[in-house]
C-alpha atoms as a PDB file:
ATOM      1  CA  UNK A   1       0.000   0.000   0.000  1.00  0.00           C
ATOM      2  CA  UNK A   2       1.427   3.388  -0.985  1.00  0.00           C
ATOM      3  CA  UNK A   3       1.621   6.392   1.366  1.00  0.00           C
ATOM      4  CA  UNK A   4      -1.297   8.032  -0.482  1.00  0.00           C
ATOM      5  CA  UNK A   5      -3.464   4.909  -0.137  1.00  0.00           C
ATOM      6  CA  UNK A   6      -2.621   4.662   3.594  1.00  0.00           C
ATOM      7  CA  UNK A   7      -3.502   8.333   4.050  1.00  0.00           C
ATOM      8  CA  UNK A   8      -6.894   7.898   2.371  1.00  0.00           C
ATOM      9  CA  UNK A   9      -7.593   4.790   4.482  1.00  0.00           C
ATOM     10  CA  UNK A  10      -6.820   6.683   7.691  1.00  0.00           C
ATOM     11  CA  UNK A  11      -8.995   9.637   6.621  1.00  0.00           C
ATOM     12  CA  UNK A  12     -11.910   7.309   5.771  1.00  0.00           C
ATOM     13  CA  UNK A  13     -11.685   5.510   9.130  1.00  0.00           C
ATOM     14  CA  UNK A  14     -11.475   8.844  10.981  1.00  0.00           C
ATOM     15  CA  UNK A  15     -14.524  10.195   9.154  1.00  0.00           C
ATOM     16  CA  UNK A  16     -16.604   7.098   9.950  1.00  0.00           C
ATOM     17  CA  UNK A  17     -15.543   7.204  13.623  1.00  0.00           C
ATOM     18  CA  UNK A  18     -16.399  10.926  13.864  1.00  0.00           C
ATOM     19  CA  UNK A  19     -19.857  10.389  12.373  1.00  0.00           C
ATOM     20  CA  UNK A  20     -20.505   7.439  14.690  1.00  0.00           C
ATOM     21  CA  UNK A  21     -19.523   9.125  17.967  1.00  0.00           C
ATOM     22  CA  UNK A  22     -20.114  12.845  17.478  1.00  0.00           C
ATOM     23  CA  UNK A  23     -23.889  12.635  17.759  1.00  0.00           C
ATOM     24  CA  UNK A  24     -25.647  12.337  21.081  1.00  0.00           C
ATOM     25  CA  UNK A  25     -28.206   9.544  21.479  1.00  0.00           C
ATOM     26  CA  UNK A  26     -31.673  10.820  20.522  1.00  0.00           C
ATOM     27  CA  UNK A  27     -33.921  11.963  23.348  1.00  0.00           C
ATOM     28  CA  UNK A  28     -37.303  10.355  23.935  1.00  0.00           C
ATOM     29  CA  UNK A  29     -39.007  13.202  22.052  1.00  0.00           C
ATOM     30  CA  UNK A  30     -36.603  12.914  19.107  1.00  0.00           C
ATOM     31  CA  UNK A  31     -37.054   9.161  18.979  1.00  0.00           C
ATOM     32  CA  UNK A  32     -40.828   9.564  18.960  1.00  0.00           C
ATOM     33  CA  UNK A  33     -40.552  12.022  16.051  1.00  0.00           C
ATOM     34  CA  UNK A  34     -38.304   9.618  14.157  1.00  0.00           C
ATOM     35  CA  UNK A  35     -40.773   6.778  14.653  1.00  0.00           C
ATOM     36  CA  UNK A  36     -43.616   8.978  13.370  1.00  0.00           C
ATOM     37  CA  UNK A  37     -41.617   9.776  10.241  1.00  0.00           C
ATOM     38  CA  UNK A  38     -40.864   6.103   9.757  1.00  0.00           C
ATOM     39  CA  UNK A  39     -44.576   5.352   9.910  1.00  0.00           C
ATOM     40  CA  UNK A  40     -45.345   8.153   7.440  1.00  0.00           C
ATOM     41  CA  UNK A  41     -42.715   7.256   4.860  1.00  0.00           C
ATOM     42  CA  UNK A  42     -42.530   3.457   5.044  1.00  0.00           C
ATOM     43  CA  UNK A  43     -46.130   2.257   5.252  1.00  0.00           C
ATOM     44  CA  UNK A  44     -48.512   1.893   2.270  1.00  0.00           C
ATOM     45  CA  UNK A  45     -51.567   4.133   2.231  1.00  0.00           C
ATOM     46  CA  UNK A  46     -54.268   5.679   0.077  1.00  0.00           C
ATOM     47  CA  UNK A  47     -51.928   6.357  -2.833  1.00  0.00           C
ATOM     48  CA  UNK A  48     -51.046   2.680  -3.050  1.00  0.00           C
ATOM     49  CA  UNK A  49     -54.692   1.606  -2.852  1.00  0.00           C
ATOM     50  CA  UNK A  50     -55.410   3.551  -6.063  1.00  0.00           C
ATOM     51  CA  UNK A  51     -53.375   0.929  -7.930  1.00  0.00           C
ATOM     52  CA  UNK A  52     -55.715  -1.916  -6.948  1.00  0.00           C
ATOM     53  CA  UNK A  53     -57.839  -1.340 -10.076  1.00  0.00           C
ATOM     54  CA  UNK A  54     -54.928  -2.575 -12.194  1.00  0.00           C
ATOM     55  CA  UNK A  55     -54.841  -6.015 -10.580  1.00  0.00           C
ATOM     56  CA  UNK A  56     -56.105  -8.874 -12.730  1.00  0.00           C
ATOM     57  CA  UNK A  57     -55.673 -10.732 -15.993  1.00  0.00           C
ATOM     58  CA  UNK A  58     -55.959  -8.801 -19.221  1.00  0.00           C
ATOM     59  CA  UNK A  59     -56.119  -9.217 -22.959  1.00  0.00           C
ATOM     60  CA  UNK A  60     -53.914  -6.660 -24.678  1.00  0.00           C
ATOM     61  CA  UNK A  61     -53.930  -4.747 -27.944  1.00  0.00           C
ATOM     62  CA  UNK A  62     -50.795  -2.843 -28.923  1.00  0.00           C
ATOM     63  CA  UNK A  63     -50.295  -0.582 -31.892  1.00  0.00           C
ATOM     64  CA  UNK A  64     -47.839   2.042 -33.087  1.00  0.00           C
ATOM     65  CA  UNK A  65     -49.668   5.348 -33.481  1.00  0.00           C
ATOM     66  CA  UNK A  66     -47.060   7.624 -35.011  1.00  0.00           C
ATOM     67  CA  UNK A  67     -47.673   9.085 -38.432  1.00  0.00           C
ATOM     68  CA  UNK A  68     -47.216   6.667 -41.317  1.00  0.00           C
ATOM     69  CA  UNK A  69     -47.511   3.506 -39.197  1.00  0.00           C
ATOM     70  CA  UNK A  70     -50.115   0.899 -40.203  1.00  0.00           C
ATOM     71  CA  UNK A  71     -53.267   1.200 -38.074  1.00  0.00           C
ATOM     72  CA  UNK A  72     -53.263  -2.411 -36.933  1.00  0.00           C
ATOM     73  CA  UNK A  73     -53.057  -3.796 -33.412  1.00  0.00           C
ATOM     74  CA  UNK A  74     -51.248  -6.905 -32.215  1.00  0.00           C
ATOM     75  CA  UNK A  75     -52.872  -8.970 -29.495  1.00  0.00           C
ATOM     76  CA  UNK A  76     -51.381 -10.433 -26.347  1.00  0.00           C
ATOM     77  CA  UNK A  77     -51.954 -11.020 -22.653  1.00  0.00           C
ATOM     78  CA  UNK A  78     -50.961  -9.370 -19.383  1.00  0.00           C
ATOM     79  CA  UNK A  79     -51.085 -10.348 -15.731  1.00  0.00           C
ATOM     80  CA  UNK A  80     -50.938  -7.678 -13.026  1.00  0.00           C
ATOM     81  CA  UNK A  81     -50.504  -8.644  -9.382  1.00  0.00           C
ATOM     82  CA  UNK A  82     -49.106  -7.400  -6.086  1.00  0.00           C
ATOM     83  CA  UNK A  83     -45.586  -8.737  -5.600  1.00  0.00           C
ATOM     84  CA  UNK A  84     -45.407  -6.915  -2.252  1.00  0.00           C
ATOM     85  CA  UNK A  85     -49.036  -6.565  -1.146  1.00  0.00           C
ATOM     86  CA  UNK A  86     -50.160  -2.951  -0.963  1.00  0.00           C
ATOM     87  CA  UNK A  87     -46.752  -1.672  -2.076  1.00  0.00           C
ATOM     88  CA  UNK A  88     -45.533  -2.857  -5.472  1.00  0.00           C
ATOM     89  CA  UNK A  89     -47.384  -4.098  -8.537  1.00  0.00           C
ATOM     90  CA  UNK A  90     -45.841  -6.244 -11.238  1.00  0.00           C
ATOM     91  CA  UNK A  91     -47.258  -6.249 -14.763  1.00  0.00           C
ATOM     92  CA  UNK A  92     -45.996  -9.081 -16.950  1.00  0.00           C
ATOM     93  CA  UNK A  93     -47.107  -9.039 -20.567  1.00  0.00           C
ATOM     94  CA  UNK A  94     -46.545 -11.145 -23.674  1.00  0.00           C
ATOM     95  CA  UNK A  95     -47.249 -10.016 -27.222  1.00  0.00           C
ATOM     96  CA  UNK A  96     -45.385  -8.694 -30.231  1.00  0.00           C
ATOM     97  CA  UNK A  97     -44.094  -5.379 -31.556  1.00  0.00           C
ATOM     98  CA  UNK A  98     -43.190  -4.733 -35.187  1.00  0.00           C
ATOM     99  CA  UNK A  99     -43.331  -8.447 -35.875  1.00  0.00           C
ATOM    100  CA  UNK A 100     -41.012  -9.391 -33.011  1.00  0.00           C
ATOM    101  CA  UNK A 101     -42.081 -11.340 -29.901  1.00  0.00           C
ATOM    102  CA  UNK A 102     -42.138  -9.090 -26.849  1.00  0.00           C
ATOM    103  CA  UNK A 103     -42.079 -10.092 -23.192  1.00  0.00           C
ATOM    104  CA  UNK A 104     -42.069  -7.218 -20.706  1.00  0.00           C
ATOM    105  CA  UNK A 105     -42.125  -6.700 -16.955  1.00  0.00           C
ATOM    106  CA  UNK A 106     -43.095  -3.414 -15.303  1.00  0.00           C
ATOM    107  CA  UNK A 107     -42.936  -2.565 -11.597  1.00  0.00           C
ATOM    108  CA  UNK A 108     -45.223   0.194 -10.343  1.00  0.00           C
ATOM    109  CA  UNK A 109     -45.719   1.675  -6.896  1.00  0.00           C
ATOM    110  CA  UNK A 110     -45.887   4.875  -4.867  1.00  0.00           C
ATOM    111  CA  UNK A 111     -42.835   6.317  -3.106  1.00  0.00           C
ATOM    112  CA  UNK A 112     -44.036   8.070   0.041  1.00  0.00           C
ATOM    113  CA  UNK A 113     -40.846  10.103   0.425  1.00  0.00           C
ATOM    114  CA  UNK A 114     -40.724  11.259  -3.225  1.00  0.00           C
ATOM    115  CA  UNK A 115     -44.501  11.757  -3.069  1.00  0.00           C
ATOM    116  CA  UNK A 116     -44.859  10.366  -6.569  1.00  0.00           C
ATOM    117  CA  UNK A 117     -45.657   7.146  -8.390  1.00  0.00           C
ATOM    118  CA  UNK A 118     -42.559   5.399  -9.699  1.00  0.00           C
ATOM    119  CA  UNK A 119     -42.151   2.732 -12.349  1.00  0.00           C
ATOM    120  CA  UNK A 120     -39.387   0.636 -13.873  1.00  0.00           C
ATOM    121  CA  UNK A 121     -39.784  -1.397 -17.067  1.00  0.00           C
ATOM    122  CA  UNK A 122     -37.703  -3.989 -18.903  1.00  0.00           C
ATOM    123  CA  UNK A 123     -38.448  -6.063 -22.001  1.00  0.00           C
ATOM    124  CA  UNK A 124     -36.976  -8.491 -24.489  1.00  0.00           C
ATOM    125  CA  UNK A 125     -36.866  -5.924 -27.313  1.00  0.00           C
ATOM    126  CA  UNK A 126     -33.782  -4.154 -25.909  1.00  0.00           C
ATOM    127  CA  UNK A 127     -31.356  -4.132 -22.970  1.00  0.00           C
ATOM    128  CA  UNK A 128     -32.602  -0.929 -21.328  1.00  0.00           C
ATOM    129  CA  UNK A 129     -34.183  -0.404 -17.918  1.00  0.00           C
ATOM    130  CA  UNK A 130     -36.537   2.567 -18.161  1.00  0.00           C
ATOM    131  CA  UNK A 131     -37.730   4.629 -15.210  1.00  0.00           C
ATOM    132  CA  UNK A 132     -40.507   7.197 -14.830  1.00  0.00           C
ATOM    133  CA  UNK A 133     -42.247   9.217 -12.099  1.00  0.00           C
ATOM    134  CA  UNK A 134     -45.583  10.990 -11.915  1.00  0.00           C
ATOM    135  CA  UNK A 135     -48.995  11.312 -10.315  1.00  0.00           C
ATOM    136  CA  UNK A 136     -52.718  10.859 -10.824  1.00  0.00           C
ATOM    137  CA  UNK A 137     -54.819  13.647 -12.249  1.00  0.00           C
ATOM    138  CA  UNK A 138     -57.149  15.284  -9.682  1.00  0.00           C
ATOM    139  CA  UNK A 139     -60.104  13.190 -10.905  1.00  0.00           C
ATOM    140  CA  UNK A 140     -58.071   9.942 -10.625  1.00  0.00           C
ATOM    141  CA  UNK A 141     -58.962   9.045 -14.215  1.00  0.00           C
ATOM    142  CA  UNK A 142     -55.364   9.099 -15.468  1.00  0.00           C
ATOM    143  CA  UNK A 143     -51.879   8.418 -14.113  1.00  0.00           C
ATOM    144  CA  UNK A 144     -49.275  10.558 -15.897  1.00  0.00           C
ATOM    145  CA  UNK A 145     -45.597   9.592 -15.665  1.00  0.00           C
ATOM    146  CA  UNK A 146     -42.507  11.287 -17.091  1.00  0.00           C
ATOM    147  CA  UNK A 147     -39.189   9.605 -17.788  1.00  0.00           C
ATOM    148  CA  UNK A 148     -36.351   9.256 -20.270  1.00  0.00           C
ATOM    149  CA  UNK A 149     -35.552   6.814 -23.034  1.00  0.00           C
ATOM    150  CA  UNK A 150     -32.361   6.062 -24.966  1.00  0.00           C
ATOM    151  CA  UNK A 151     -33.196   5.721 -28.671  1.00  0.00           C
ATOM    152  CA  UNK A 152     -30.466   3.592 -30.219  1.00  0.00           C
ATOM    153  CA  UNK A 153     -31.933   3.873 -33.738  1.00  0.00           C
ATOM    154  CA  UNK A 154     -31.392   7.642 -33.763  1.00  0.00           C
ATOM    155  CA  UNK A 155     -28.527   7.907 -31.279  1.00  0.00           C
ATOM    156  CA  UNK A 156     -30.592   9.970 -28.803  1.00  0.00           C
ATOM    157  CA  UNK A 157     -29.804   9.661 -25.102  1.00  0.00           C
ATOM    158  CA  UNK A 158     -32.226  10.504 -22.285  1.00  0.00           C
ATOM    159  CA  UNK A 159     -35.050  11.526 -24.595  1.00  0.00           C
ATOM    160  CA  UNK A 160     -38.052  12.773 -22.615  1.00  0.00           C
ATOM    161  CA  UNK A 161     -41.121  10.542 -22.803  1.00  0.00           C
ATOM    162  CA  UNK A 162     -44.546  10.660 -21.164  1.00  0.00           C
ATOM    163  CA  UNK A 163     -46.592   7.587 -20.277  1.00  0.00           C
ATOM    164  CA  UNK A 164     -50.300   7.962 -19.520  1.00  0.00           C
ATOM    165  CA  UNK A 165     -52.508   5.289 -17.936  1.00  0.00           C
ATOM    166  CA  UNK A 166     -56.123   6.199 -18.812  1.00  0.00           C
ATOM    167  CA  UNK A 167     -58.702   4.379 -16.690  1.00  0.00           C
ATOM    168  CA  UNK A 168     -61.583   4.147 -19.159  1.00  0.00           C
ATOM    169  CA  UNK A 169     -63.613   1.763 -16.974  1.00  0.00           C
ATOM    170  CA  UNK A 170     -63.138  -1.075 -14.483  1.00  0.00           C
ATOM    171  CA  UNK A 171     -62.516  -3.377 -17.448  1.00  0.00           C
ATOM    172  CA  UNK A 172     -60.512  -1.142 -19.795  1.00  0.00           C
ATOM    173  CA  UNK A 173     -57.253   0.767 -19.380  1.00  0.00           C
ATOM    174  CA  UNK A 174     -55.352   2.488 -22.167  1.00  0.00           C
ATOM    175  CA  UNK A 175     -51.627   3.125 -21.806  1.00  0.00           C
ATOM    176  CA  UNK A 176     -50.200   5.824 -24.100  1.00  0.00           C
ATOM    177  CA  UNK A 177     -46.522   6.526 -24.784  1.00  0.00           C
ATOM    178  CA  UNK A 178     -45.656  10.049 -25.952  1.00  0.00           C
ATOM    179  CA  UNK A 179     -42.397  11.127 -27.609  1.00  0.00           C
ATOM    180  CA  UNK A 180     -42.084  14.670 -26.205  1.00  0.00           C
ATOM    181  CA  UNK A 181     -39.306  15.994 -28.503  1.00  0.00           C
ATOM    182  CA  UNK A 182     -41.827  15.722 -31.381  1.00  0.00           C
ATOM    183  CA  UNK A 183     -43.456  18.932 -30.153  1.00  0.00           C
ATOM    184  CA  UNK A 184     -46.589  20.024 -28.309  1.00  0.00           C
ATOM    185  CA  UNK A 185     -49.203  18.095 -30.310  1.00  0.00           C
ATOM    186  CA  UNK A 186     -49.510  14.656 -31.931  1.00  0.00           C
ATOM    187  CA  UNK A 187     -46.809  13.232 -29.668  1.00  0.00           C
ATOM    188  CA  UNK A 188     -48.333   9.792 -29.072  1.00  0.00           C
ATOM    189  CA  UNK A 189     -46.286   6.993 -30.662  1.00  0.00           C
ATOM    190  CA  UNK A 190     -47.643   3.857 -28.964  1.00  0.00           C
ATOM    191  CA  UNK A 191     -50.947   2.648 -27.543  1.00  0.00           C
ATOM    192  CA  UNK A 192     -51.211  -0.362 -25.247  1.00  0.00           C
ATOM    193  CA  UNK A 193     -54.796  -1.277 -24.404  1.00  0.00           C
ATOM    194  CA  UNK A 194     -55.745  -3.542 -21.481  1.00  0.00           C
ATOM    195  CA  UNK A 195     -59.112  -5.312 -21.666  1.00  0.00           C
ATOM    196  CA  UNK A 196     -59.991  -7.316 -18.565  1.00  0.00           C
ATOM    197  CA  UNK A 197     -60.196 -11.045 -19.245  1.00  0.00           C
ATOM    198  CA  UNK A 198     -63.505 -11.774 -17.537  1.00  0.00           C
ATOM    199  CA  UNK A 199     -63.196 -15.473 -18.383  1.00  0.00           C
ATOM    200  CA  UNK A 200     -60.339 -15.580 -15.836  1.00  0.00           C
ATOM    201  CA  UNK A 201     -61.221 -12.761 -13.416  1.00  0.00           C
ATOM    202  CA  UNK A 202     -64.955 -13.447 -13.442  1.00  0.00           C
END
């Protein structure tokens, strides 16, 4: 180990020791406040319960909606369930996109500390992990999420995209994907429709 490496090791150990011993133990009042915050930020609540309407088995219809694309939809299936009850939903879907088989998994939940809905999605059509954050509209009829997307076909990195979950009815949800750099209007490029499979869900 060189002198520089030893110096950095000593500084790191000193910093950790200072942080560990410089603070006084919390008083009873402070501890009570900390426990209240823990309850507020770690437990599921009303925001999480809004996601219950997504749970179930669905038939899917997916189509590209950008200008010049054929107006045809490909069919598939989706299953949405709680993987951590009351906290995190998992949507697993199977279908096709542009003639290629597509298997995707999306996680969706509400982050109490961020005070926003958060989602992460992966699929077999690329090697990306896409994230987005957002909130419900005041009437709870739509969940609007904003995130970024790397577009390898055009070389664009961190392109802004908007995803909208529109709750048409208890048995129909439409998911829109909008390419925001297109402009202010006609930004939708993909539509993913969920139709509840009543033969399974009853």
